[in-house]
Protein backbone atom coordinates (compact mmCIF):
# COMPACT_ATOMS: atom_id res chain seq x y z
CA MET A 1 100.64 106.59 101.73
CA GLU A 2 100.67 109.90 103.59
CA ARG A 3 103.75 110.86 105.56
CA PRO A 4 102.09 110.74 108.97
CA GLN A 5 100.99 107.22 108.30
CA ARG A 6 104.39 106.10 107.22
CA SER A 7 105.97 107.78 110.20
CA TYR A 8 103.56 106.06 112.60
CA ILE A 9 104.37 102.68 111.14
CA GLU A 10 108.15 103.31 111.25
CA THR A 11 107.95 104.63 114.84
CA HIS A 12 105.78 101.80 116.24
CA PHE A 13 107.51 99.07 114.26
CA GLU A 14 111.15 100.15 114.34
CA ASN A 15 112.69 97.49 112.15
CA ILE A 16 109.80 96.97 109.76
CA SER A 17 111.64 98.43 106.71
CA GLN A 18 114.49 95.91 107.30
CA VAL A 19 112.05 93.04 107.43
CA THR A 20 109.63 93.88 104.64
CA LYS A 21 108.70 96.61 102.12
CA ILE A 22 105.81 98.80 103.17
CA GLN A 23 103.15 98.58 100.49
CA CYS A 24 100.56 101.30 99.73
CA LEU A 25 97.08 100.07 98.55
CA TRP A 26 96.16 103.50 97.12
CA ILE A 27 92.65 103.44 98.45
CA PRO A 28 91.02 106.90 98.96
CA ASP A 29 89.76 107.83 102.34
CA ILE A 30 86.11 108.06 101.18
CA TYR A 31 84.66 104.83 102.60
CA GLU A 32 82.72 104.20 105.85
CA LYS A 33 83.97 101.49 108.18
CA MET A 34 83.07 97.97 106.88
CA ASP A 35 81.62 99.39 103.61
CA PRO A 36 81.14 96.46 101.34
CA GLU A 37 82.81 98.32 98.43
CA LEU A 38 85.86 99.06 100.67
CA LEU A 39 86.14 95.45 101.75
CA ASN A 40 86.01 94.32 98.18
CA LEU A 41 88.62 96.80 97.14
CA LEU A 42 90.88 95.76 100.10
CA ASP A 43 90.49 92.11 99.16
CA LYS A 44 91.47 92.76 95.52
CA ARG A 45 94.48 95.04 96.32
CA VAL A 46 95.84 92.80 99.10
CA ARG A 47 95.65 89.64 96.92
CA LYS A 48 97.86 91.34 94.34
CA ILE A 49 100.50 91.60 97.03
CA ILE A 50 99.91 88.52 99.19
CA PRO A 51 98.33 85.34 97.77
CA LEU A 52 95.49 84.45 100.14
CA PRO A 53 93.10 81.47 100.10
CA VAL A 54 89.69 82.16 98.80
CA ALA A 55 87.13 82.49 101.71
CA ASP A 56 84.25 80.06 101.83
CA GLN A 57 81.01 81.68 100.66
């Protein structure tokens, strides 16, 4: 996570670091909005951190 992103989170959510750990998904900024490859990557990375139910297909 880049410093400006972390600073934004910490500024707008003052106590966030006391409540939870900020996780970085390490996804490069090379994707267009709603790119299927990006969505798939987000799904995989988030599920490693937070167990989510499988969406109906």
